[in-house]
Protein backbone atom coordinates (compact mmCIF):
# COMPACT_ATOMS: atom_id res chain seq x y z
CA MET A 1 0.00 0.00 0.00
CA ALA A 2 1.49 3.28 -1.07
CA ARG A 3 2.30 6.02 1.50
CA ARG A 4 0.95 9.47 1.09
CA PRO A 5 3.67 12.02 0.61
CA ARG A 6 4.29 14.49 3.38
CA THR A 7 3.17 17.96 2.69
CA ARG A 8 4.25 21.17 4.36
CA SER A 9 1.77 22.54 6.70
CA SER A 10 -0.36 25.15 5.13
CA THR A 11 0.07 27.33 8.21
CA VAL A 12 3.37 29.30 8.21
CA ARG A 13 4.86 30.39 11.55
CA ARG A 14 5.33 34.11 11.86
CA ARG A 15 8.61 35.42 13.28
CA LYS A 16 8.26 37.50 16.40
CA PRO A 17 9.04 41.19 15.81
CA LYS A 18 12.30 42.49 17.36
CA SER A 19 11.88 43.95 20.81
CA ARG A 20 12.27 47.74 21.02
CA THR A 21 14.13 47.29 24.30
CA SER A 22 16.67 45.02 22.62
CA TRP A 23 17.25 47.54 19.79
CA LEU A 24 17.63 50.42 22.23
CA PHE A 25 20.04 48.39 24.36
CA ARG A 26 22.26 47.60 21.37
CA LEU A 27 22.34 51.31 20.51
CA LEU A 28 23.05 52.53 24.02
CA VAL A 29 25.88 50.11 24.83
CA PRO A 30 28.38 51.60 22.37
CA LEU A 31 27.26 55.10 23.29
CA VAL A 32 27.87 54.35 26.96
CA ILE A 33 31.25 52.83 26.14
CA ILE A 34 32.23 55.86 24.05
CA ALA A 35 30.97 58.29 26.69
CA GLY A 36 32.76 56.34 29.41
CA SER A 37 35.99 56.37 27.40
CA VAL A 38 35.70 60.11 26.78
CA LEU A 39 35.00 60.70 30.49
CA ALA A 40 37.94 58.50 31.49
CA VAL A 41 40.25 60.42 29.15
CA TYR A 42 38.91 63.73 30.46
CA VAL A 43 39.32 62.66 34.09
CA GLY A 44 42.85 61.51 33.25
CA TYR A 45 43.58 64.92 31.76
CA LEU A 46 42.18 66.66 34.86
CA ASP A 47 44.22 64.34 37.08
CA TYR A 48 47.38 65.24 35.16
CA THR A 49 46.54 68.96 35.40
CA VAL A 50 45.90 68.78 39.14
CA ARG A 51 49.10 66.86 39.88
CA GLN A 52 51.28 68.99 37.62
CA GLN A 53 50.16 72.28 39.16
CA PHE A 54 49.75 71.10 42.73
CA GLU A 55 53.05 69.23 42.99
CA GLY A 56 55.13 71.73 41.01
CA LYS A 57 55.88 75.32 41.91
CA ARG A 58 52.42 76.35 43.02
CA TRP A 59 52.93 80.08 43.31
CA SER A 60 55.06 82.83 41.81
CA ILE A 61 56.23 84.96 44.72
CA PRO A 62 57.47 88.44 43.74
CA ALA A 63 60.85 89.66 44.95
CA ARG A 64 60.61 92.31 47.65
CA VAL A 65 63.03 95.22 47.64
CA TYR A 66 63.94 96.92 50.92
CA ALA A 67 65.79 100.08 51.87
CA SER A 68 68.86 99.95 54.07
CA PRO A 69 67.80 99.04 57.63
CA VAL A 70 68.18 101.70 60.31
CA GLU A 71 70.60 100.68 63.05
CA LEU A 72 69.90 102.22 66.45
CA TYR A 73 72.61 102.89 69.02
CA ALA A 74 73.38 105.42 71.75
CA GLY A 75 74.40 108.63 70.04
CA TYR A 76 72.60 107.91 66.76
CA GLU A 77 71.27 111.26 65.52
CA ILE A 78 67.50 110.96 65.29
CA SER A 79 64.85 112.80 67.29
CA ALA A 80 61.90 111.10 68.99
CA LYS A 81 59.59 112.68 66.38
CA ASN A 82 61.67 111.41 63.46
CA PHE A 83 61.89 107.97 65.05
CA GLU A 84 58.10 107.83 65.36
CA ASP A 85 57.87 108.88 61.70
CA LEU A 86 60.12 105.92 60.87
CA LEU A 87 57.88 103.57 62.83
CA LEU A 88 54.83 104.86 60.96
CA GLU A 89 56.66 104.39 57.67
CA LEU A 90 57.26 100.80 58.75
CA HIS A 91 53.51 100.54 59.51
CA TYR A 92 53.99 100.05 63.26
CA ARG A 93 50.86 100.77 65.29
CA GLN A 94 50.42 102.43 68.66
CA ASP A 95 49.65 99.94 71.43
CA PRO A 96 50.51 100.59 75.10
CA GLN A 97 50.49 96.84 75.77
CA LEU A 98 52.81 96.05 72.82
CA VAL A 99 50.63 93.09 71.86
CA GLY A 100 52.12 91.54 68.77
CA GLU A 101 55.05 92.52 66.58
CA GLY A 102 55.16 95.93 64.95
CA SER A 103 53.76 97.94 67.88
CA TYR A 104 55.02 100.87 69.93
CA SER A 105 54.09 103.35 72.66
CA VAL A 106 55.42 106.77 73.62
CA LYS A 107 55.93 107.92 77.20
CA GLY A 108 57.79 111.20 77.61
CA ASN A 109 61.19 110.94 75.97
CA VAL A 110 61.05 107.14 75.87
CA VAL A 111 59.62 105.09 73.01
CA ASN A 112 58.86 101.44 73.74
CA VAL A 113 58.90 99.20 70.68
CA ARG A 114 58.16 95.58 69.89
CA THR A 115 60.19 94.99 66.75
CA ARG A 116 59.34 92.61 63.93
CA ALA A 117 61.32 89.48 63.20
CA PHE A 118 63.26 89.79 59.95
CA ASN A 119 65.74 87.63 58.07
CA PHE A 120 68.51 89.91 56.83
CA GLY A 121 70.34 87.15 54.99
CA ASP A 122 73.47 87.35 57.12
CA THR A 123 71.42 86.85 60.28
CA ALA A 124 67.81 86.16 61.30
CA GLN A 125 66.67 88.68 63.91
CA GLU A 126 63.92 87.71 66.31
CA SER A 127 61.21 90.07 67.56
CA ARG A 128 62.08 91.80 70.83
CA LYS A 129 60.80 94.50 73.15
CA ILE A 130 63.12 97.49 73.48
CA SER A 131 63.06 100.92 75.15
CA VAL A 132 64.63 103.83 73.28
CA ALA A 133 65.45 106.88 75.41
CA PHE A 134 66.11 110.17 73.64
CA ALA A 135 68.36 113.02 74.67
CA GLY A 136 67.55 115.98 72.44
CA ALA A 137 68.03 115.09 68.77
CA ALA A 138 69.85 111.82 69.43
CA ILE A 139 69.35 108.46 71.15
CA GLY A 140 70.49 108.58 74.74
CA GLY A 141 70.29 104.85 75.42
CA LEU A 142 68.84 101.49 74.38
CA THR A 143 67.63 98.86 76.83
CA ASP A 144 65.97 95.47 76.65
CA ALA A 145 62.43 96.09 77.97
CA GLY A 146 62.29 92.62 79.47
CA THR A 147 65.62 92.39 81.29
CA GLY A 148 66.58 96.07 81.58
CA ALA A 149 70.02 95.29 80.12
CA ASN A 150 71.72 97.92 77.97
CA LEU A 151 71.85 97.16 74.25
CA ALA A 152 74.77 98.16 72.05
CA ILE A 153 72.84 98.17 68.77
CA VAL A 154 69.40 97.23 67.40
CA ARG A 155 68.68 96.83 63.73
CA MET A 156 65.12 97.73 62.73
CA ASP A 157 63.32 95.80 60.01
CA PRO A 158 63.80 97.71 56.73
CA VAL A 159 61.21 99.71 54.81
CA GLN A 160 59.88 97.92 51.74
CA ILE A 161 60.37 100.23 48.75
CA GLY A 162 59.19 98.01 45.92
CA SER A 163 58.60 94.60 44.40
CA PHE A 164 59.38 92.81 41.16
CA TYR A 165 56.05 91.27 40.14
CA PRO A 166 55.34 88.61 37.52
CA THR A 167 52.93 89.45 34.70
CA ARG A 168 50.02 88.32 36.85
CA LYS A 169 50.21 90.62 39.83
CA GLU A 170 49.60 88.40 42.81
CA ASP A 171 51.31 88.68 46.17
CA ARG A 172 51.41 86.35 49.14
CA ILE A 173 53.43 85.38 52.19
CA LEU A 174 53.57 81.58 52.36
CA ILE A 175 52.82 79.91 55.68
CA LYS A 176 52.87 76.33 56.91
CA LEU A 177 49.73 74.80 58.43
CA ASP A 178 51.43 74.40 61.80
CA GLU A 179 52.31 78.13 61.74
CA ALA A 180 48.66 79.17 61.46
CA PRO A 181 46.83 80.08 64.68
CA PRO A 182 44.48 77.26 65.73
CA THR A 183 41.65 79.82 65.88
CA LEU A 184 42.09 80.49 62.14
CA VAL A 185 41.55 76.86 61.20
CA GLN A 186 38.67 76.60 63.67
CA GLY A 187 37.04 79.73 62.26
CA LEU A 188 37.29 78.41 58.70
CA LEU A 189 35.92 74.99 59.60
CA SER A 190 32.99 76.43 61.55
CA THR A 191 31.93 78.89 58.84
CA GLU A 192 33.16 77.45 55.54
CA ASP A 193 33.25 73.65 55.88
CA ARG A 194 32.23 71.86 59.08
CA ASP A 195 32.55 68.44 57.45
CA PHE A 196 35.96 69.09 55.88
CA TYR A 197 37.69 66.15 57.54
CA SER A 198 34.88 63.70 56.70
CA HIS A 199 33.71 64.49 53.13
CA PHE A 200 35.38 63.53 49.85
CA GLY A 201 35.46 66.91 48.12
CA LEU A 202 31.71 67.62 48.00
CA SER A 203 29.36 67.70 50.97
CA PRO A 204 25.62 67.21 50.32
CA LYS A 205 25.05 67.89 54.02
CA SER A 206 26.78 71.30 53.75
CA ILE A 207 24.79 72.19 50.65
CA ALA A 208 21.49 71.32 52.36
CA ARG A 209 22.49 73.15 55.54
CA ALA A 210 23.51 76.26 53.57
CA MET A 211 20.23 76.29 51.65
CA TRP A 212 18.23 76.05 54.89
CA SER A 213 20.30 78.79 56.63
CA ASN A 214 19.96 81.13 53.66
CA LEU A 215 16.22 80.47 53.48
CA LYS A 216 15.77 81.32 57.16
CA ALA A 217 17.90 84.45 56.91
CA GLY A 218 16.25 85.61 53.71
CA GLY A 219 19.63 86.10 52.05
CA MET A 220 23.06 84.62 51.47
CA VAL A 221 24.65 84.02 54.88
CA GLN A 222 26.27 80.62 54.28
CA GLY A 223 27.79 78.89 51.27
CA GLY A 224 27.61 75.22 50.30
CA SER A 225 31.02 74.92 48.66
CA THR A 226 33.58 72.93 50.58
CA ILE A 227 37.09 74.21 51.27
CA THR A 228 38.31 71.80 48.60
CA GLN A 229 35.91 73.26 46.04
CA GLN A 230 36.94 76.81 46.96
CA LEU A 231 40.60 75.86 46.53
CA VAL A 232 39.91 74.31 43.12
CA LYS A 233 37.93 77.38 42.07
CA ASN A 234 40.74 79.77 43.11
CA PHE A 235 43.72 77.66 42.11
CA PHE A 236 42.71 75.97 38.86
CA LEU A 237 39.62 77.63 37.37
CA THR A 238 38.34 80.96 36.15
CA PRO A 239 35.55 82.89 37.95
CA LYS A 240 33.16 82.16 35.07
CA ARG A 241 30.01 80.42 36.33
CA THR A 242 28.70 77.74 33.99
CA LEU A 243 27.35 74.20 34.38
CA ARG A 244 30.43 72.83 32.64
CA ARG A 245 32.72 74.65 35.03
CA LYS A 246 30.78 73.38 38.06
CA LEU A 247 31.13 69.81 36.76
CA LYS A 248 34.85 70.37 36.25
CA GLU A 249 35.10 71.81 39.76
CA ALA A 250 33.41 68.72 41.22
CA LEU A 251 35.67 66.29 39.34
CA MET A 252 38.83 68.16 40.28
CA SER A 253 37.70 68.28 43.91
CA PHE A 254 37.36 64.48 43.92
CA ILE A 255 40.80 64.13 42.33
CA LEU A 256 42.40 66.53 44.81
CA GLU A 257 40.89 64.65 47.76
CA TYR A 258 42.04 61.31 46.31
CA ARG A 259 45.59 62.44 45.60
CA TYR A 260 46.39 64.56 48.65
CA SER A 261 45.84 64.63 52.39
CA LYS A 262 43.40 66.95 54.12
CA ASP A 263 46.25 68.90 55.73
CA GLU A 264 47.94 69.47 52.35
CA ILE A 265 44.67 70.77 50.91
CA LEU A 266 44.03 73.03 53.90
CA GLU A 267 47.57 74.46 53.81
CA ALA A 268 47.23 75.26 50.10
CA TYR A 269 43.88 76.91 50.82
CA LEU A 270 45.41 79.13 53.52
CA ASN A 271 47.97 80.40 51.00
CA GLU A 272 45.77 80.66 47.90
CA ILE A 273 42.45 82.21 48.97
CA PHE A 274 41.89 85.75 47.61
CA LEU A 275 41.44 88.24 50.46
CA GLY A 276 41.76 91.73 49.01
CA GLN A 277 43.27 94.13 46.52
CA ASP A 278 46.34 96.30 47.08
CA GLY A 279 46.30 98.68 44.16
CA ALA A 280 47.03 96.62 41.05
CA SER A 281 48.16 93.61 43.10
CA ALA A 282 45.89 90.89 44.43
CA VAL A 283 46.32 89.90 48.09
CA HIS A 284 46.30 86.11 48.40
CA GLY A 285 46.57 84.01 51.51
CA PHE A 286 46.17 84.73 55.21
CA GLY A 287 49.88 85.41 55.73
CA LEU A 288 49.88 88.52 53.56
CA ALA A 289 46.32 89.51 54.52
CA SER A 290 47.40 89.69 58.17
CA GLU A 291 50.13 92.22 57.32
CA PHE A 292 47.94 94.07 54.82
CA TYR A 293 45.04 94.63 57.24
CA PHE A 294 46.75 94.61 60.66
CA GLY A 295 50.44 95.35 59.99
CA GLN A 296 51.62 92.26 61.91
CA SER A 297 52.39 88.62 61.28
CA LEU A 298 49.61 86.06 61.33
CA LYS A 299 50.91 84.19 64.39
CA THR A 300 50.55 87.32 66.58
CA LEU A 301 46.87 88.03 65.84
CA SER A 302 44.21 88.00 68.53
CA LEU A 303 40.91 86.10 68.26
CA HIS A 304 38.88 89.09 67.04
CA GLN A 305 41.48 89.83 64.33
CA VAL A 306 41.51 86.23 63.13
CA ALA A 307 37.72 86.27 62.95
CA THR A 308 37.91 89.42 60.81
CA LEU A 309 40.19 87.67 58.31
CA VAL A 310 37.84 84.67 58.20
CA ALA A 311 34.96 87.06 57.52
CA LEU A 312 36.78 88.25 54.36
CA VAL A 313 36.61 84.78 52.79
CA ARG A 314 32.94 85.26 51.95
CA GLY A 315 33.78 88.37 49.90
CA PRO A 316 36.81 90.68 50.32
CA SER A 317 35.03 93.50 48.55
CA GLU A 318 31.72 93.05 50.37
CA TYR A 319 33.40 92.82 53.78
CA ASP A 320 36.33 95.21 53.27
CA PRO A 321 37.04 96.45 56.85
CA ARG A 322 38.34 99.80 55.62
CA ARG A 323 35.46 100.60 53.29
CA LYS A 324 32.58 98.84 55.05
CA PRO A 325 33.52 98.53 58.74
CA GLU A 326 29.96 98.06 60.02
CA HIS A 327 29.28 95.29 57.52
CA THR A 328 32.59 93.62 58.38
CA LEU A 329 31.90 93.88 62.12
CA GLU A 330 28.56 92.13 61.67
CA ARG A 331 30.17 89.32 59.66
CA ARG A 332 33.05 89.00 62.15
CA ASN A 333 30.61 88.52 65.04
CA LEU A 334 28.79 85.90 63.00
CA VAL A 335 32.08 84.03 62.63
CA LEU A 336 32.58 84.21 66.41
CA ASP A 337 29.04 82.85 66.96
CA SER A 338 29.77 79.92 64.61
CA MET A 339 32.98 79.14 66.51
CA LEU A 340 31.04 79.25 69.78
CA ASN A 341 28.31 76.96 68.44
CA GLU A 342 30.92 74.44 67.29
CA GLY A 343 32.59 74.49 70.71
CA TYR A 344 35.88 75.98 69.57
CA ILE A 345 35.67 78.97 71.91
CA THR A 346 33.88 79.72 75.16
CA GLU A 347 31.04 82.17 75.57
CA GLN A 348 33.34 84.47 77.54
CA GLN A 349 35.93 84.46 74.73
CA ALA A 350 33.25 85.25 72.17
CA THR A 351 31.83 88.09 74.29
CA GLU A 352 35.26 89.64 74.88
CA ALA A 353 36.17 89.37 71.18
CA LYS A 354 32.93 91.04 70.11
CA LYS A 355 33.71 94.02 72.34
CA GLN A 356 36.92 94.69 70.43
CA PRO A 357 36.99 97.16 67.52
CA LEU A 358 38.15 95.90 64.17
CA GLY A 359 41.55 97.47 64.86
CA VAL A 360 42.52 97.59 61.20
CA ALA A 361 45.74 99.49 60.48
CA ALA A 362 45.89 102.46 58.15
CA VAL A 363 46.17 101.56 54.49
CA ILE A 364 49.40 99.60 54.10
CA HIS A 365 50.23 99.93 50.44
CA ARG A 366 53.05 97.71 49.21
CA SER A 367 54.24 99.92 46.39
CA ALA A 368 55.65 98.07 43.41
CA ASN A 369 57.75 101.10 42.58
CA ARG A 370 58.06 103.64 45.38
CA TYR A 371 61.38 105.00 44.10
CA PRO A 372 61.29 103.91 40.44
CA ASP A 373 64.67 105.34 39.40
CA PHE A 374 66.53 103.60 42.23
CA ILE A 375 64.56 100.37 41.65
CA ASP A 376 65.65 100.60 38.01
CA LEU A 377 69.29 100.62 39.14
CA VAL A 378 68.69 97.63 41.45
CA LYS A 379 67.04 95.61 38.70
CA ARG A 380 69.83 96.33 36.22
CA GLN A 381 72.43 95.09 38.70
CA LEU A 382 70.44 91.99 39.65
CA LYS A 383 69.93 91.01 36.01
CA GLN A 384 73.66 90.45 35.79
CA GLU A 385 73.30 87.50 38.18
CA TYR A 386 69.63 86.47 38.11
CA LYS A 387 67.17 85.47 35.42
CA GLU A 388 64.04 87.58 34.96
CA GLU A 389 61.77 84.73 36.12
CA ASP A 390 63.82 84.32 39.30
CA LEU A 391 63.36 87.99 40.17
CA THR A 392 59.60 87.78 39.74
CA SER A 393 58.76 84.34 41.10
CA GLU A 394 61.23 83.07 43.71
CA GLY A 395 60.27 85.39 46.58
CA LEU A 396 63.74 86.95 46.91
CA ARG A 397 64.37 89.49 49.66
CA ILE A 398 66.64 92.24 48.37
CA VAL A 399 68.08 94.63 50.95
CA THR A 400 69.62 97.68 49.27
CA THR A 401 71.75 100.66 50.32
CA LEU A 402 68.95 103.23 49.87
CA ASP A 403 68.36 105.61 52.78
CA THR A 404 64.73 106.69 52.55
CA ARG A 405 65.30 109.86 54.59
CA ILE A 406 68.09 111.03 52.27
CA GLN A 407 66.08 110.01 49.20
CA ASP A 408 63.07 112.03 50.35
CA ILE A 409 65.27 115.05 51.12
CA LEU A 410 66.90 114.77 47.69
CA GLU A 411 63.58 114.65 45.86
CA GLN A 412 62.23 117.62 47.83
CA SER A 413 65.40 119.62 47.21
CA ILE A 414 65.21 118.96 43.47
CA ALA A 415 61.55 119.97 43.35
CA ASN A 416 62.23 123.22 45.25
CA LYS A 417 65.29 124.11 43.18
CA LEU A 418 63.58 123.47 39.84
CA LYS A 419 60.63 125.58 40.95
CA GLN A 420 63.02 128.38 41.87
CA LEU A 421 65.01 128.17 38.62
CA GLU A 422 61.90 128.12 36.44
CA LYS A 423 60.93 131.57 37.69
CA SER A 424 63.62 132.92 35.36
CA PRO A 425 62.65 133.73 31.74
CA LYS A 426 63.08 130.92 29.20
CA SER A 427 63.68 128.35 31.94
CA ASN A 428 60.64 126.13 31.58
CA ASP A 429 60.52 122.32 31.67
CA LEU A 430 63.91 121.91 33.29
CA GLU A 431 65.11 118.41 34.15
CA SER A 432 67.48 117.01 36.72
CA ALA A 433 69.47 113.97 37.80
CA ALA A 434 71.36 113.27 41.01
CA ILE A 435 73.19 110.45 42.79
CA VAL A 436 74.13 110.63 46.49
CA THR A 437 76.82 108.29 47.82
CA ARG A 438 78.46 107.68 51.19
CA ARG A 439 81.94 109.14 51.51
CA ASP A 440 83.37 106.17 53.40
CA SER A 441 82.00 103.28 51.30
CA GLY A 442 80.76 104.73 48.01
CA GLU A 443 77.33 103.13 48.58
CA ILE A 444 74.48 104.79 46.70
CA VAL A 445 72.01 106.06 49.30
CA ALA A 446 69.77 108.13 47.00
CA LEU A 447 69.19 108.48 43.28
CA SER A 448 66.93 110.64 41.14
CA GLY A 449 66.65 110.18 37.40
CA GLY A 450 64.31 113.08 36.70
CA ARG A 451 61.78 115.46 38.16
CA LYS A 452 58.93 112.95 37.88
CA THR A 453 59.45 110.60 40.80
CA GLU A 454 56.20 108.66 40.66
CA SER A 455 56.80 106.63 37.48
CA THR A 456 59.60 105.05 35.51
CA GLY A 457 60.69 106.96 32.44
CA PHE A 458 64.02 107.97 30.99
CA ASN A 459 66.48 107.52 33.85
CA ARG A 460 68.82 110.47 33.40
CA ALA A 461 71.01 109.43 36.31
CA LEU A 462 71.89 106.19 34.51
CA ASP A 463 71.29 106.80 30.80
CA ALA A 464 71.79 110.49 30.01
CA VAL A 465 75.02 111.23 28.13
CA ARG A 466 76.19 114.66 29.26
CA PRO A 467 79.54 116.49 29.49
CA ILE A 468 81.40 115.02 32.43
CA GLY A 469 82.50 118.43 33.75
CA SER A 470 84.41 118.60 37.01
CA LEU A 471 83.70 114.95 37.81
CA ILE A 472 86.73 114.09 35.68
CA LYS A 473 89.11 116.08 37.90
CA PRO A 474 89.64 113.44 40.65
CA VAL A 475 90.36 110.92 37.88
CA VAL A 476 92.99 113.24 36.35
CA TYR A 477 94.73 113.69 39.72
CA LEU A 478 94.49 109.97 40.55
CA THR A 479 96.15 109.16 37.24
CA ALA A 480 98.90 111.70 37.89
CA LEU A 481 99.61 110.23 41.36
CA GLU A 482 100.20 106.83 39.76
CA TYR A 483 103.51 108.33 38.59
CA PRO A 484 105.13 109.37 41.90
CA ASP A 485 108.39 110.26 40.19
CA ARG A 486 106.52 113.11 38.50
CA TYR A 487 103.62 113.97 40.83
CA THR A 488 102.90 113.84 44.55
CA ILE A 489 100.28 115.72 46.58
CA ALA A 490 102.82 118.49 47.17
CA THR A 491 104.13 118.83 43.61
CA PRO A 492 103.93 122.46 42.43
CA VAL A 493 101.61 122.86 39.42
CA SER A 494 100.85 125.90 37.28
CA ASP A 495 97.36 127.34 37.38
CA THR A 496 97.92 129.84 34.59
CA GLN A 497 96.31 130.51 31.21
CA ILE A 498 96.68 127.72 28.65
CA SER A 499 95.52 127.53 25.03
CA ILE A 500 94.88 124.23 23.23
CA GLU A 501 94.40 123.78 19.54
CA ALA A 502 90.96 122.53 18.54
CA GLU A 503 89.34 121.46 15.27
CA ARG A 504 89.23 123.71 12.20
CA GLY A 505 91.98 126.02 13.38
CA LYS A 506 90.18 127.06 16.54
CA SER A 507 91.62 127.07 20.07
CA TRP A 508 90.24 126.39 23.52
CA SER A 509 91.29 128.27 26.66
CA PRO A 510 89.73 127.19 29.99
CA ASP A 511 88.98 129.65 32.77
CA ASN A 512 88.58 129.18 36.51
CA TYR A 513 85.25 129.66 38.22
CA ASP A 514 86.48 132.91 39.81
CA ASN A 515 88.01 134.09 36.51
CA ARG A 516 91.48 134.36 38.12
CA GLU A 517 94.86 132.73 37.70
CA HIS A 518 96.44 131.40 40.89
CA GLY A 519 99.99 130.86 39.70
CA ILE A 520 102.11 128.04 41.11
CA VAL A 521 100.18 126.04 43.73
CA PRO A 522 100.61 122.59 45.36
CA LEU A 523 98.76 119.75 43.59
CA HIS A 524 96.46 119.15 46.57
CA THR A 525 95.43 122.84 46.54
CA ALA A 526 94.55 122.67 42.83
CA LEU A 527 92.36 119.61 43.50
CA THR A 528 90.77 121.04 46.65
CA HIS A 529 89.76 124.26 44.91
CA SER A 530 88.94 122.58 41.59
CA TYR A 531 91.23 124.80 39.52
CA ASN A 532 90.44 124.25 35.84
CA MET A 533 93.67 125.52 34.30
CA ALA A 534 95.89 123.45 36.60
CA THR A 535 93.83 120.31 35.95
CA VAL A 536 94.03 120.76 32.16
CA ARG A 537 97.81 121.19 32.34
CA ILE A 538 98.21 117.99 34.42
CA GLY A 539 95.89 116.02 32.13
CA MET A 540 97.68 117.10 28.96
CA ASP A 541 101.05 116.30 30.57
CA ILE A 542 100.02 112.78 31.70
CA GLY A 543 98.11 112.03 28.50
CA LEU A 544 94.39 111.63 27.91
CA ALA A 545 94.69 107.96 27.01
CA LYS A 546 96.01 107.21 30.51
CA VAL A 547 93.16 109.18 32.07
CA ALA A 548 90.66 107.20 29.99
CA ASN A 549 92.31 103.94 31.10
CA THR A 550 91.87 104.99 34.76
CA LEU A 551 88.17 105.59 34.07
CA LYS A 552 87.85 102.08 32.64
CA ASN A 553 89.59 100.58 35.68
CA MET A 554 87.11 102.44 37.89
CA GLY A 555 84.26 100.64 36.13
CA VAL A 556 83.08 103.40 33.80
CA SER A 557 81.65 101.58 30.78
CA GLY A 558 81.68 102.65 27.18
CA ARG A 559 84.08 102.69 24.26
CA TRP A 560 86.65 105.41 24.82
CA THR A 561 88.27 107.16 21.91
CA CYS A 562 91.20 109.48 22.53
CA THR A 563 93.34 111.84 20.46
CA ARG A 564 96.16 114.07 21.61
CA ARG A 565 93.69 116.82 22.41
CA SER A 566 90.57 115.07 23.69
CA CYS A 567 88.78 111.87 24.79
CA TRP A 568 85.15 110.88 24.45
CA ALA A 569 82.99 107.87 25.23
CA ARG A 570 80.54 106.00 23.12
CA ASN A 571 77.76 103.85 24.57
CA PRO A 572 78.55 100.12 24.61
């Protein structure tokens, strides 16, 4: 019996349609992988940026230029009034208790001073309390205020006359975390970041607490950014507020917390935070802010002063103690309340601190160029041994030979003399240049390169090429004395009329200032009275080439060209 052939079923199975979830999953997986890769690369880049900047040279510290320090001793000619003027120039403040460095008090003819510590390079001088007794226009005696022992000499910290800033004008005094007053750290933790030692860069608790405090106060009284976020914002980022920047800030905060300890982050914060503006220069860090606002080092501040600095963190412009003292006082007391609430200080300490005035010193302006012509000379000399970037970033302390009292007298004398001279007809727009040196050492104690003392311009004291005049006379006599077989200080020389051939058939005959001939005189008399005719005779006898060689040996630069009749210099 034959079998019936098999036939395909007439019903065809339909394939199930692809799931939308499956299609979406296959699309999202590569997108997630790509996004994750991009994020990983970006985080790696941020990690590299954080480590490179944070582990390298974090800050460019400008070089500070100081005048010559005043050395006090019995018999030193300075009146009590002038000494107090010096203290004010050094930004010392009056305080009968002498609390903290940089303070003084006056009682009769005695001035009690608590000096500032200063590293002079050859020696580091500690702060000390001294009593300076005056006898008329001089110091009668110096004693140690603690022991009563007589002191032979006391060197005051020098006046800062300028700075060499980098292109970005920021200034700071670096401090270590263990050098900061405990109350400073406590004030920052209680007002800026209570959970600093427990969070990992961001603190949701702080954000929620800040929102609630601001809502209750009806305004901004507390921020939600952690200290780490504030450091990232100041150290790595621009002030621009965008969502992208906030994301970058969060990522860098995580990286910073992962890479470095809490103490390292806090120490960097203490030195980086922006706390004010000194002219064109930004004041960064609590070390410099302490001197800028109170004229004393950070370690000597009292509780109420520390709280004032902490108050500035929220906004140096908004809480500027010099411009808005009432606003600053309110914020300072809020800082003290926060410290009390966190248990860092007692109620009695908070009450006593609130009674204190702000106590901010007069404006302490750290001029970048107080004496620009002298600073120009200093910079030219330093460039022979230092690179430009070292002068503007290594925090050098440069103590010079400038005497600020002599410099001020010189500038005032020039101003008065020019004013007097310009009363004569056709004597407008006169200029000047002057250099004052010490007789015993040759040190330059004052320099003026022109009548405009407030800005750098053409420095006539260093760059003007003018007839040398009578300045050449000591060089002529010095050259002559190098030949003792011909000249000594007692050798008779002729101060009589002399005629020297000049170019184009002309002649030159010098005259003396008094228009007289003095005949035969000893060499030392000719030099003492600056006799022109005698000097010319000696110079022509010795030879101008030898005089020019003496100038070179004395350090006078330039290419000297000499003939039988004359010598002149060309700029190098």
